[in-house]
C-alpha atoms as a PDB file:
ATOM      1  CA  UNK A   1       8.998 -10.680   4.018  1.00  0.00           C
ATOM      2  CA  UNK A   2       7.985  -8.560   7.077  1.00  0.00           C
ATOM      3  CA  UNK A   3       9.536  -5.347   7.716  1.00  0.00           C
ATOM      4  CA  UNK A   4       9.147  -3.799  10.867  1.00  0.00           C
ATOM      5  CA  UNK A   5       9.832  -0.332  11.441  1.00  0.00           C
ATOM      6  CA  UNK A   6      10.950   0.980  15.401  1.00  0.00           C
ATOM      7  CA  UNK A   7      11.619   4.717  15.955  1.00  0.00           C
ATOM      8  CA  UNK A   8      14.636   5.152  13.822  1.00  0.00           C
ATOM      9  CA  UNK A   9      15.170   1.454  12.617  1.00  0.00           C
ATOM     10  CA  UNK A  10      14.496  -0.811   9.954  1.00  0.00           C
ATOM     11  CA  UNK A  11      14.315  -4.547  10.175  1.00  0.00           C
ATOM     12  CA  UNK A  12      13.074  -7.633   8.011  1.00  0.00           C
ATOM     13  CA  UNK A  13      12.855 -10.864   8.168  1.00  0.00           C
ATOM     14  CA  UNK A  14      12.721 -13.017   5.194  1.00  0.00           C
ATOM     15  CA  UNK A  15       9.571 -15.787   5.784  1.00  0.00           C
ATOM     16  CA  UNK A  16       9.211 -18.752   3.356  1.00  0.00           C
ATOM     17  CA  UNK A  17       5.697 -19.666   2.028  1.00  0.00           C
ATOM     18  CA  UNK A  18       5.064 -21.260   5.371  1.00  0.00           C
ATOM     19  CA  UNK A  19       5.282 -18.701   7.092  1.00  0.00           C
ATOM     20  CA  UNK A  20       8.754 -19.852   8.692  1.00  0.00           C
ATOM     21  CA  UNK A  21      11.503 -17.160   9.318  1.00  0.00           C
ATOM     22  CA  UNK A  22      14.595 -17.900   7.215  1.00  0.00           C
ATOM     23  CA  UNK A  23      17.129 -14.501   7.478  1.00  0.00           C
ATOM     24  CA  UNK A  24      16.914 -10.769   9.928  1.00  0.00           C
ATOM     25  CA  UNK A  25      18.441  -7.934   8.762  1.00  0.00           C
ATOM     26  CA  UNK A  26      18.634  -4.611   9.289  1.00  0.00           C
ATOM     27  CA  UNK A  27      17.813  -2.156   6.378  1.00  0.00           C
ATOM     28  CA  UNK A  28      18.105   1.363   7.092  1.00  0.00           C
ATOM     29  CA  UNK A  29      18.900   2.984  11.029  1.00  0.00           C
ATOM     30  CA  UNK A  30      20.225   6.391  12.554  1.00  0.00           C
ATOM     31  CA  UNK A  31      22.932   5.155  12.742  1.00  0.00           C
ATOM     32  CA  UNK A  32      24.077   4.250   9.438  1.00  0.00           C
ATOM     33  CA  UNK A  33      22.292   7.638   8.378  1.00  0.00           C
ATOM     34  CA  UNK A  34      24.835   9.614  10.312  1.00  0.00           C
ATOM     35  CA  UNK A  35      27.806   7.271   8.952  1.00  0.00           C
ATOM     36  CA  UNK A  36      26.411   8.230   5.380  1.00  0.00           C
ATOM     37  CA  UNK A  37      26.308  12.194   6.090  1.00  0.00           C
ATOM     38  CA  UNK A  38      29.065  11.931   8.317  1.00  0.00           C
ATOM     39  CA  UNK A  39      27.111  13.131  11.426  1.00  0.00           C
ATOM     40  CA  UNK A  40      29.055  12.261  14.504  1.00  0.00           C
ATOM     41  CA  UNK A  41      25.305  12.276  16.402  1.00  0.00           C
ATOM     42  CA  UNK A  42      22.775   9.891  15.112  1.00  0.00           C
ATOM     43  CA  UNK A  43      19.601  12.068  13.804  1.00  0.00           C
ATOM     44  CA  UNK A  44      16.577  12.193  16.031  1.00  0.00           C
ATOM     45  CA  UNK A  45      14.174  11.233  13.568  1.00  0.00           C
ATOM     46  CA  UNK A  46      11.274   8.764  13.701  1.00  0.00           C
ATOM     47  CA  UNK A  47      10.008   6.340  10.806  1.00  0.00           C
ATOM     48  CA  UNK A  48       6.178   7.042  10.950  1.00  0.00           C
ATOM     49  CA  UNK A  49       5.182   4.332   7.543  1.00  0.00           C
ATOM     50  CA  UNK A  50       6.563   1.674   5.644  1.00  0.00           C
ATOM     51  CA  UNK A  51       5.802   0.123   2.421  1.00  0.00           C
ATOM     52  CA  UNK A  52       7.440  -2.469   0.354  1.00  0.00           C
ATOM     53  CA  UNK A  53       7.082  -4.521  -3.081  1.00  0.00           C
ATOM     54  CA  UNK A  54       8.866  -7.035  -5.168  1.00  0.00           C
ATOM     55  CA  UNK A  55       9.809  -8.302  -8.326  1.00  0.00           C
ATOM     56  CA  UNK A  56      11.641 -11.541  -9.329  1.00  0.00           C
ATOM     57  CA  UNK A  57      14.780 -11.486  -6.870  1.00  0.00           C
ATOM     58  CA  UNK A  58      14.603  -7.762  -5.585  1.00  0.00           C
ATOM     59  CA  UNK A  59      12.971  -5.775  -3.322  1.00  0.00           C
ATOM     60  CA  UNK A  60      12.386  -2.122  -2.875  1.00  0.00           C
ATOM     61  CA  UNK A  61      11.371  -0.436   0.432  1.00  0.00           C
ATOM     62  CA  UNK A  62       9.529   3.154   0.813  1.00  0.00           C
ATOM     63  CA  UNK A  63       9.403   4.777   4.128  1.00  0.00           C
ATOM     64  CA  UNK A  64       8.509   8.159   5.742  1.00  0.00           C
ATOM     65  CA  UNK A  65      10.320   9.471   8.485  1.00  0.00           C
ATOM     66  CA  UNK A  66       9.220  12.729  10.461  1.00  0.00           C
ATOM     67  CA  UNK A  67      11.893  14.960  12.749  1.00  0.00           C
ATOM     68  CA  UNK A  68      10.254  17.218  13.860  1.00  0.00           C
ATOM     69  CA  UNK A  69       8.154  19.448  11.480  1.00  0.00           C
ATOM     70  CA  UNK A  70      10.360  18.130   8.748  1.00  0.00           C
ATOM     71  CA  UNK A  71       8.901  15.081   6.842  1.00  0.00           C
ATOM     72  CA  UNK A  72      10.899  12.727   4.201  1.00  0.00           C
ATOM     73  CA  UNK A  73      10.195  10.106   1.998  1.00  0.00           C
ATOM     74  CA  UNK A  74      12.976   7.981   1.444  1.00  0.00           C
ATOM     75  CA  UNK A  75      13.498   4.480  -0.534  1.00  0.00           C
ATOM     76  CA  UNK A  76      15.826   1.552  -0.532  1.00  0.00           C
ATOM     77  CA  UNK A  77      16.180  -0.858  -3.500  1.00  0.00           C
ATOM     78  CA  UNK A  78      18.170  -4.175  -3.572  1.00  0.00           C
ATOM     79  CA  UNK A  79      18.493  -7.341  -4.063  1.00  0.00           C
ATOM     80  CA  UNK A  80      16.399  -9.839  -1.842  1.00  0.00           C
ATOM     81  CA  UNK A  81      19.483 -12.403  -1.139  1.00  0.00           C
ATOM     82  CA  UNK A  82      22.017  -8.534   0.328  1.00  0.00           C
ATOM     83  CA  UNK A  83      18.689  -5.910   0.791  1.00  0.00           C
ATOM     84  CA  UNK A  84      21.395  -4.080   3.254  1.00  0.00           C
ATOM     85  CA  UNK A  85      23.484  -2.992   0.767  1.00  0.00           C
ATOM     86  CA  UNK A  86      20.753  -1.562  -0.914  1.00  0.00           C
ATOM     87  CA  UNK A  87      20.719   1.712  -2.819  1.00  0.00           C
ATOM     88  CA  UNK A  88      19.364   4.155  -0.897  1.00  0.00           C
ATOM     89  CA  UNK A  89      17.569   6.856  -2.372  1.00  0.00           C
ATOM     90  CA  UNK A  90      15.771  10.035  -1.365  1.00  0.00           C
ATOM     91  CA  UNK A  91      12.400  10.872  -2.849  1.00  0.00           C
ATOM     92  CA  UNK A  92      11.371  14.002  -1.571  1.00  0.00           C
ATOM     93  CA  UNK A  93       9.982  16.255   0.663  1.00  0.00           C
ATOM     94  CA  UNK A  94       6.193  15.291   2.614  1.00  0.00           C
ATOM     95  CA  UNK A  95       3.466  18.407   3.035  1.00  0.00           C
ATOM     96  CA  UNK A  96       2.860  18.648   6.903  1.00  0.00           C
ATOM     97  CA  UNK A  97      -0.036  17.089   8.593  1.00  0.00           C
ATOM     98  CA  UNK A  98       0.587  13.858   6.652  1.00  0.00           C
ATOM     99  CA  UNK A  99      -1.971  10.745   6.884  1.00  0.00           C
ATOM    100  CA  UNK A 100      -2.334   8.882   9.394  1.00  0.00           C
ATOM    101  CA  UNK A 101      -1.990   6.026   9.985  1.00  0.00           C
ATOM    102  CA  UNK A 102      -0.840   5.383   6.794  1.00  0.00           C
ATOM    103  CA  UNK A 103      -1.759   6.320   3.360  1.00  0.00           C
ATOM    104  CA  UNK A 104       0.911   8.894   2.292  1.00  0.00           C
ATOM    105  CA  UNK A 105       3.170   6.464   0.338  1.00  0.00           C
ATOM    106  CA  UNK A 106       2.529   3.507  -1.878  1.00  0.00           C
ATOM    107  CA  UNK A 107       5.117   1.227  -3.927  1.00  0.00           C
ATOM    108  CA  UNK A 108       4.591  -1.200  -7.286  1.00  0.00           C
ATOM    109  CA  UNK A 109       6.553  -2.127 -10.250  1.00  0.00           C
ATOM    110  CA  UNK A 110       6.264  -1.792 -13.740  1.00  0.00           C
ATOM    111  CA  UNK A 111       8.008  -2.455 -16.940  1.00  0.00           C
ATOM    112  CA  UNK A 112      10.665  -3.629 -14.444  1.00  0.00           C
ATOM    113  CA  UNK A 113      10.894  -1.057 -12.502  1.00  0.00           C
ATOM    114  CA  UNK A 114      10.212   0.316  -8.791  1.00  0.00           C
ATOM    115  CA  UNK A 115       7.708   2.984  -8.897  1.00  0.00           C
ATOM    116  CA  UNK A 116       6.338   5.013  -5.429  1.00  0.00           C
ATOM    117  CA  UNK A 117       3.384   7.439  -5.571  1.00  0.00           C
ATOM    118  CA  UNK A 118       3.655   9.417  -2.455  1.00  0.00           C
ATOM    119  CA  UNK A 119       2.224  12.497  -1.103  1.00  0.00           C
ATOM    120  CA  UNK A 120       4.624  15.474  -1.490  1.00  0.00           C
ATOM    121  CA  UNK A 121       4.404  19.410  -1.107  1.00  0.00           C
ATOM    122  CA  UNK A 122       2.333  22.274  -1.009  1.00  0.00           C
ATOM    123  CA  UNK A 123       1.062  22.488  -4.894  1.00  0.00           C
ATOM    124  CA  UNK A 124      -0.918  25.056  -6.942  1.00  0.00           C
ATOM    125  CA  UNK A 125      -4.740  24.033  -7.389  1.00  0.00           C
ATOM    126  CA  UNK A 126      -6.107  23.246 -10.462  1.00  0.00           C
ATOM    127  CA  UNK A 127      -9.140  24.853  -9.821  1.00  0.00           C
ATOM    128  CA  UNK A 128      -8.934  28.370  -8.823  1.00  0.00           C
ATOM    129  CA  UNK A 129     -11.862  27.981  -6.369  1.00  0.00           C
ATOM    130  CA  UNK A 130     -10.204  24.861  -5.025  1.00  0.00           C
ATOM    131  CA  UNK A 131      -7.610  25.811  -1.642  1.00  0.00           C
ATOM    132  CA  UNK A 132      -4.457  23.861   0.538  1.00  0.00           C
ATOM    133  CA  UNK A 133      -3.841  21.767  -2.117  1.00  0.00           C
ATOM    134  CA  UNK A 134      -1.263  18.839  -1.498  1.00  0.00           C
ATOM    135  CA  UNK A 135       0.848  17.360  -4.667  1.00  0.00           C
ATOM    136  CA  UNK A 136       0.908  13.619  -5.148  1.00  0.00           C
ATOM    137  CA  UNK A 137       3.664  12.820  -7.435  1.00  0.00           C
ATOM    138  CA  UNK A 138       5.521   9.220  -8.558  1.00  0.00           C
ATOM    139  CA  UNK A 139       9.268   8.730  -8.308  1.00  0.00           C
ATOM    140  CA  UNK A 140      10.975   5.790 -10.450  1.00  0.00           C
ATOM    141  CA  UNK A 141      13.293   4.141  -7.860  1.00  0.00           C
ATOM    142  CA  UNK A 142      15.940   2.931 -11.183  1.00  0.00           C
ATOM    143  CA  UNK A 143      16.140   6.390 -12.998  1.00  0.00           C
ATOM    144  CA  UNK A 144      15.924   8.495  -9.805  1.00  0.00           C
ATOM    145  CA  UNK A 145      13.310  10.666 -11.354  1.00  0.00           C
ATOM    146  CA  UNK A 146      10.472  12.345 -10.906  1.00  0.00           C
ATOM    147  CA  UNK A 147       7.763  11.045 -13.523  1.00  0.00           C
ATOM    148  CA  UNK A 148       6.776  13.933 -15.526  1.00  0.00           C
ATOM    149  CA  UNK A 149       2.938  14.871 -16.798  1.00  0.00           C
ATOM    150  CA  UNK A 150       1.357  12.933 -13.989  1.00  0.00           C
ATOM    151  CA  UNK A 151       1.404  14.841 -10.598  1.00  0.00           C
ATOM    152  CA  UNK A 152      -1.687  15.028  -8.784  1.00  0.00           C
ATOM    153  CA  UNK A 153      -2.755  17.905  -6.731  1.00  0.00           C
ATOM    154  CA  UNK A 154      -5.230  17.224  -4.522  1.00  0.00           C
ATOM    155  CA  UNK A 155      -7.781  19.843  -2.225  1.00  0.00           C
ATOM    156  CA  UNK A 156      -7.776  19.668   1.737  1.00  0.00           C
ATOM    157  CA  UNK A 157      -6.370  15.542   1.886  1.00  0.00           C
ATOM    158  CA  UNK A 158      -8.034  13.537   3.828  1.00  0.00           C
ATOM    159  CA  UNK A 159      -6.139  13.561   7.368  1.00  0.00           C
ATOM    160  CA  UNK A 160      -6.876   9.392   7.361  1.00  0.00           C
ATOM    161  CA  UNK A 161      -5.769   6.674   4.557  1.00  0.00           C
ATOM    162  CA  UNK A 162      -5.198   8.954   1.786  1.00  0.00           C
ATOM    163  CA  UNK A 163      -4.218   7.717  -1.071  1.00  0.00           C
ATOM    164  CA  UNK A 164      -4.545   4.559  -3.787  1.00  0.00           C
ATOM    165  CA  UNK A 165      -2.029   3.171  -5.996  1.00  0.00           C
ATOM    166  CA  UNK A 166      -2.045  -0.080  -7.792  1.00  0.00           C
ATOM    167  CA  UNK A 167      -0.070  -1.035 -11.015  1.00  0.00           C
ATOM    168  CA  UNK A 168      -1.517  -3.939 -13.412  1.00  0.00           C
ATOM    169  CA  UNK A 169       0.277  -5.013 -16.301  1.00  0.00           C
ATOM    170  CA  UNK A 170       0.130  -1.827 -18.550  1.00  0.00           C
ATOM    171  CA  UNK A 171      -2.456  -0.305 -16.286  1.00  0.00           C
ATOM    172  CA  UNK A 172      -1.803   2.299 -13.598  1.00  0.00           C
ATOM    173  CA  UNK A 173      -4.416   3.182 -10.997  1.00  0.00           C
ATOM    174  CA  UNK A 174      -3.807   6.165  -8.667  1.00  0.00           C
ATOM    175  CA  UNK A 175      -6.016   8.723  -7.328  1.00  0.00           C
ATOM    176  CA  UNK A 176      -6.073  10.690  -3.639  1.00  0.00           C
ATOM    177  CA  UNK A 177      -9.022  11.373  -0.973  1.00  0.00           C
ATOM    178  CA  UNK A 178     -10.095  14.694  -0.569  1.00  0.00           C
ATOM    179  CA  UNK A 179     -11.800  16.085   2.169  1.00  0.00           C
ATOM    180  CA  UNK A 180     -12.566  19.792   0.750  1.00  0.00           C
ATOM    181  CA  UNK A 181     -16.390  19.258   0.326  1.00  0.00           C
ATOM    182  CA  UNK A 182     -16.812  18.217   3.869  1.00  0.00           C
ATOM    183  CA  UNK A 183     -16.812  14.775   3.062  1.00  0.00           C
ATOM    184  CA  UNK A 184     -14.262  12.339   2.155  1.00  0.00           C
ATOM    185  CA  UNK A 185     -14.400  11.444  -1.843  1.00  0.00           C
ATOM    186  CA  UNK A 186     -11.244   9.666  -3.815  1.00  0.00           C
ATOM    187  CA  UNK A 187     -10.919  10.427  -7.410  1.00  0.00           C
ATOM    188  CA  UNK A 188      -9.462   7.755  -9.022  1.00  0.00           C
ATOM    189  CA  UNK A 189      -7.739   7.823 -12.416  1.00  0.00           C
ATOM    190  CA  UNK A 190      -6.887   5.151 -14.589  1.00  0.00           C
ATOM    191  CA  UNK A 191      -3.936   5.204 -17.641  1.00  0.00           C
ATOM    192  CA  UNK A 192      -3.474   2.366 -20.114  1.00  0.00           C
ATOM    193  CA  UNK A 193      -0.457   2.504 -22.367  1.00  0.00           C
ATOM    194  CA  UNK A 194      -0.625  -1.158 -24.208  1.00  0.00           C
ATOM    195  CA  UNK A 195      -2.359  -2.147 -26.405  1.00  0.00           C
ATOM    196  CA  UNK A 196      -4.070   0.901 -26.972  1.00  0.00           C
ATOM    197  CA  UNK A 197      -4.210   4.083 -25.094  1.00  0.00           C
ATOM    198  CA  UNK A 198      -6.738   5.345 -22.708  1.00  0.00           C
ATOM    199  CA  UNK A 199      -7.293   7.694 -19.605  1.00  0.00           C
ATOM    200  CA  UNK A 200     -10.364   8.147 -17.398  1.00  0.00           C
ATOM    201  CA  UNK A 201     -11.043   9.690 -14.172  1.00  0.00           C
ATOM    202  CA  UNK A 202     -13.853   8.211 -11.462  1.00  0.00           C
ATOM    203  CA  UNK A 203     -15.046   9.610  -8.336  1.00  0.00           C
ATOM    204  CA  UNK A 204     -15.564   7.034  -6.117  1.00  0.00           C
ATOM    205  CA  UNK A 205     -16.597   5.421  -2.409  1.00  0.00           C
ATOM    206  CA  UNK A 206     -18.154   9.180  -1.526  1.00  0.00           C
ATOM    207  CA  UNK A 207     -18.056   9.863   2.131  1.00  0.00           C
ATOM    208  CA  UNK A 208     -15.849   6.923   2.636  1.00  0.00           C
ATOM    209  CA  UNK A 209     -11.764   6.612   3.527  1.00  0.00           C
ATOM    210  CA  UNK A 210     -10.321   4.159   0.978  1.00  0.00           C
ATOM    211  CA  UNK A 211      -8.413   1.184   3.098  1.00  0.00           C
ATOM    212  CA  UNK A 212      -6.836  -0.242   0.578  1.00  0.00           C
ATOM    213  CA  UNK A 213      -6.447  -1.744  -3.353  1.00  0.00           C
ATOM    214  CA  UNK A 214      -5.774  -4.847  -5.168  1.00  0.00           C
ATOM    215  CA  UNK A 215      -5.399  -5.119  -8.288  1.00  0.00           C
ATOM    216  CA  UNK A 216      -6.248  -8.865  -9.612  1.00  0.00           C
ATOM    217  CA  UNK A 217      -5.815  -9.925 -13.784  1.00  0.00           C
ATOM    218  CA  UNK A 218      -7.800  -6.744 -15.689  1.00  0.00           C
ATOM    219  CA  UNK A 219      -9.309  -5.370 -12.619  1.00  0.00           C
ATOM    220  CA  UNK A 220      -9.043  -3.326  -9.483  1.00  0.00           C
ATOM    221  CA  UNK A 221     -10.878  -3.160  -6.172  1.00  0.00           C
ATOM    222  CA  UNK A 222     -10.862  -0.762  -3.732  1.00  0.00           C
ATOM    223  CA  UNK A 223     -12.325  -0.992  -0.208  1.00  0.00           C
ATOM    224  CA  UNK A 224     -13.214   2.016   1.884  1.00  0.00           C
ATOM    225  CA  UNK A 225     -14.349   2.690   5.259  1.00  0.00           C
ATOM    226  CA  UNK A 226     -17.796   4.247   5.772  1.00  0.00           C
ATOM    227  CA  UNK A 227     -18.121   5.416   8.938  1.00  0.00           C
ATOM    228  CA  UNK A 228     -17.951   1.431  10.007  1.00  0.00           C
ATOM    229  CA  UNK A 229     -19.031  -0.108   7.512  1.00  0.00           C
ATOM    230  CA  UNK A 230     -17.126  -1.512   4.710  1.00  0.00           C
ATOM    231  CA  UNK A 231     -17.747  -0.626   0.709  1.00  0.00           C
ATOM    232  CA  UNK A 232     -15.785  -1.419  -2.186  1.00  0.00           C
ATOM    233  CA  UNK A 233     -15.755  -0.808  -6.282  1.00  0.00           C
ATOM    234  CA  UNK A 234     -14.847  -2.554  -8.907  1.00  0.00           C
ATOM    235  CA  UNK A 235     -13.140  -1.064 -11.709  1.00  0.00           C
ATOM    236  CA  UNK A 236     -12.814  -3.206 -14.848  1.00  0.00           C
ATOM    237  CA  UNK A 237     -11.248  -0.555 -17.518  1.00  0.00           C
ATOM    238  CA  UNK A 238     -12.526   0.843 -21.105  1.00  0.00           C
ATOM    239  CA  UNK A 239     -15.680   2.495 -20.566  1.00  0.00           C
ATOM    240  CA  UNK A 240     -17.242   0.579 -17.682  1.00  0.00           C
ATOM    241  CA  UNK A 241     -18.157   2.090 -15.010  1.00  0.00           C
ATOM    242  CA  UNK A 242     -17.036   1.355 -11.714  1.00  0.00           C
ATOM    243  CA  UNK A 243     -19.115  -1.511  -9.796  1.00  0.00           C
ATOM    244  CA  UNK A 244     -20.582  -1.599  -6.281  1.00  0.00           C
ATOM    245  CA  UNK A 245     -19.183  -3.875  -4.236  1.00  0.00           C
ATOM    246  CA  UNK A 246     -20.478  -5.352  -0.562  1.00  0.00           C
ATOM    247  CA  UNK A 247     -18.291  -6.977   1.430  1.00  0.00           C
ATOM    248  CA  UNK A 248     -19.600  -5.567   4.934  1.00  0.00           C
ATOM    249  CA  UNK A 249     -20.106  -9.265   5.793  1.00  0.00           C
ATOM    250  CA  UNK A 250     -17.061 -11.397   4.387  1.00  0.00           C
ATOM    251  CA  UNK A 251     -16.369 -14.863   5.141  1.00  0.00           C
ATOM    252  CA  UNK A 252     -12.927 -16.418   4.503  1.00  0.00           C
ATOM    253  CA  UNK A 253     -13.713 -20.522   3.073  1.00  0.00           C
ATOM    254  CA  UNK A 254     -11.756 -22.371   1.205  1.00  0.00           C
ATOM    255  CA  UNK A 255     -12.421 -23.304  -2.791  1.00  0.00           C
ATOM    256  CA  UNK A 256     -10.048 -26.302  -4.451  1.00  0.00           C
ATOM    257  CA  UNK A 257      -7.321 -25.829  -1.260  1.00  0.00           C
ATOM    258  CA  UNK A 258      -6.853 -22.023  -1.873  1.00  0.00           C
ATOM    259  CA  UNK A 259      -9.248 -18.927   0.113  1.00  0.00           C
ATOM    260  CA  UNK A 260     -11.959 -17.101  -1.192  1.00  0.00           C
ATOM    261  CA  UNK A 261     -12.569 -13.834   0.597  1.00  0.00           C
ATOM    262  CA  UNK A 262     -16.437 -13.890  -0.011  1.00  0.00           C
ATOM    263  CA  UNK A 263     -19.674 -12.523   0.929  1.00  0.00           C
ATOM    264  CA  UNK A 264     -22.689 -14.252  -0.550  1.00  0.00           C
ATOM    265  CA  UNK A 265     -25.395 -12.516  -2.510  1.00  0.00           C
ATOM    266  CA  UNK A 266     -25.743  -9.935  -4.928  1.00  0.00           C
ATOM    267  CA  UNK A 267     -22.644  -7.861  -5.672  1.00  0.00           C
ATOM    268  CA  UNK A 268     -20.846  -9.719  -3.187  1.00  0.00           C
ATOM    269  CA  UNK A 269     -17.186  -9.726  -3.213  1.00  0.00           C
ATOM    270  CA  UNK A 270     -15.268 -12.823  -4.519  1.00  0.00           C
ATOM    271  CA  UNK A 271     -11.741 -12.540  -4.606  1.00  0.00           C
ATOM    272  CA  UNK A 272      -9.938 -15.741  -5.060  1.00  0.00           C
ATOM    273  CA  UNK A 273      -6.407 -16.247  -3.819  1.00  0.00           C
ATOM    274  CA  UNK A 274      -4.990 -18.923  -6.484  1.00  0.00           C
ATOM    275  CA  UNK A 275      -1.385 -17.108  -6.907  1.00  0.00           C
ATOM    276  CA  UNK A 276       0.812 -14.926  -4.563  1.00  0.00           C
ATOM    277  CA  UNK A 277      -1.087 -11.838  -3.620  1.00  0.00           C
ATOM    278  CA  UNK A 278      -0.191  -8.812  -1.189  1.00  0.00           C
ATOM    279  CA  UNK A 279      -2.142  -5.757  -0.167  1.00  0.00           C
ATOM    280  CA  UNK A 280      -5.130  -8.246   1.090  1.00  0.00           C
ATOM    281  CA  UNK A 281      -5.374  -6.225   4.466  1.00  0.00           C
ATOM    282  CA  UNK A 282      -8.661  -4.285   3.589  1.00  0.00           C
ATOM    283  CA  UNK A 283     -10.087  -7.503   2.213  1.00  0.00           C
ATOM    284  CA  UNK A 284     -10.412  -9.873   5.410  1.00  0.00           C
ATOM    285  CA  UNK A 285     -13.073 -10.557   7.590  1.00  0.00           C
ATOM    286  CA  UNK A 286     -12.861  -9.497  10.910  1.00  0.00           C
ATOM    287  CA  UNK A 287     -11.912 -12.519  12.531  1.00  0.00           C
ATOM    288  CA  UNK A 288      -8.528 -12.748  10.380  1.00  0.00           C
ATOM    289  CA  UNK A 289      -7.300  -9.333  10.899  1.00  0.00           C
ATOM    290  CA  UNK A 290      -4.866  -7.485  13.608  1.00  0.00           C
ATOM    291  CA  UNK A 291      -4.553  -3.828  14.124  1.00  0.00           C
ATOM    292  CA  UNK A 292      -2.761  -1.746  11.086  1.00  0.00           C
ATOM    293  CA  UNK A 293      -2.756  -4.971   9.312  1.00  0.00           C
ATOM    294  CA  UNK A 294      -0.716  -5.840   6.842  1.00  0.00           C
ATOM    295  CA  UNK A 295      -1.729  -9.382   5.021  1.00  0.00           C
ATOM    296  CA  UNK A 296      -0.290 -11.375   1.843  1.00  0.00           C
ATOM    297  CA  UNK A 297      -1.086 -15.127   0.386  1.00  0.00           C
ATOM    298  CA  UNK A 298       2.282 -16.708   0.019  1.00  0.00           C
ATOM    299  CA  UNK A 299       0.593 -19.291  -2.232  1.00  0.00           C
ATOM    300  CA  UNK A 300       0.367 -21.841   1.109  1.00  0.00           C
ATOM    301  CA  UNK A 301      -0.300 -19.646   4.163  1.00  0.00           C
ATOM    302  CA  UNK A 302      -1.948 -16.593   4.613  1.00  0.00           C
ATOM    303  CA  UNK A 303       0.124 -14.203   6.468  1.00  0.00           C
ATOM    304  CA  UNK A 304      -1.141 -11.490   8.589  1.00  0.00           C
ATOM    305  CA  UNK A 305       1.119  -8.619  10.562  1.00  0.00           C
ATOM    306  CA  UNK A 306      -0.131  -6.099  12.654  1.00  0.00           C
ATOM    307  CA  UNK A 307       0.327  -4.728  16.286  1.00  0.00           C
ATOM    308  CA  UNK A 308      -1.353  -6.687  19.698  1.00  0.00           C
ATOM    309  CA  UNK A 309      -0.513  -4.460  22.334  1.00  0.00           C
ATOM    310  CA  UNK A 310       2.017  -2.518  20.770  1.00  0.00           C
ATOM    311  CA  UNK A 311       4.323  -5.624  19.667  1.00  0.00           C
ATOM    312  CA  UNK A 312       4.092  -7.040  15.892  1.00  0.00           C
ATOM    313  CA  UNK A 313       2.417 -10.286  15.829  1.00  0.00           C
ATOM    314  CA  UNK A 314       2.386 -12.269  12.905  1.00  0.00           C
ATOM    315  CA  UNK A 315      -0.357 -15.225  12.209  1.00  0.00           C
ATOM    316  CA  UNK A 316      -0.908 -17.636   9.787  1.00  0.00           C
ATOM    317  CA  UNK A 317      -3.785 -19.231   8.270  1.00  0.00           C
ATOM    318  CA  UNK A 318      -3.902 -22.267   5.772  1.00  0.00           C
ATOM    319  CA  UNK A 319      -6.757 -24.321   4.180  1.00  0.00           C
ATOM    320  CA  UNK A 320      -7.766 -27.155   5.676  1.00  0.00           C
ATOM    321  CA  UNK A 321     -10.572 -28.917   3.568  1.00  0.00           C
ATOM    322  CA  UNK A 322     -13.267 -26.298   3.119  1.00  0.00           C
ATOM    323  CA  UNK A 323     -12.107 -23.864   6.280  1.00  0.00           C
ATOM    324  CA  UNK A 324      -9.307 -21.286   7.022  1.00  0.00           C
ATOM    325  CA  UNK A 325      -7.392 -22.597  10.140  1.00  0.00           C
ATOM    326  CA  UNK A 326      -4.639 -20.672  11.863  1.00  0.00           C
ATOM    327  CA  UNK A 327      -1.816 -22.786  11.953  1.00  0.00           C
ATOM    328  CA  UNK A 328       1.480 -22.248  14.089  1.00  0.00           C
ATOM    329  CA  UNK A 329       4.064 -20.261  13.334  1.00  0.00           C
ATOM    330  CA  UNK A 330       8.248 -21.219  13.575  1.00  0.00           C
END
């Protein structure tokens, strides 16, 4: 699926595995909001960030909307077959100034429920020496509640790409970037409840802005922009320390008919795309990326969406022998 925000409207195009458009729907808009609130005049808000997640035949969408100095995170959960009729929820107020161009809201699914991790409002700092702390919290779509016990207070959040969030089985990864020391640093928390409980915190990618994270099997890989050079770390859980992953010279090749994002050499990234996988934009070689990209592997096609001359552009790539080649999308 491809979800596009234009001013105060969200539109969704459902795609098949080949990237062919199947259905177009308007999920949310100023006029819809005005009717639901009994207002004769559509509100003048702008949607500034959108995230989405699926689980089976279900969909969740979260977005951040701004109206003047007022900023709020909202969401929608629905059946993929009738997404425009889904349940709309208010996630909460967001403290300005927000991270740009993204980094205020993320979505995942765990235990059959959709969970949002979002920038919230001003919060007390955990350390008296810290200043300007902003809260980050979890929101469960199905219960309509903020999960207790896991809020986070971040001193001087980074102005760009502020958070990391991924769910993998019973393991939760979440964290945020802080610039309180004068240089960006991401503190990443790992929580596991089964088969045994453990929790840990790691400070990763000093001097780097987090670009994205992908959960594969029982590990997490987090990528960062380090003054124009990409670096990454791999977390495997337990008491194993984070491992540096090199990805400044990535290539996309094909292996057994499936893409492999790889950097040859010691500690180089090797990310094999076998099953369907989203949130790949931070791990693409430059030749396959677009400005403000979102990328996903459907199991057949690597789809990359981004902005070209202010218009949303969708490109597709498939394996041809050992090469990943661009294909025409209908």
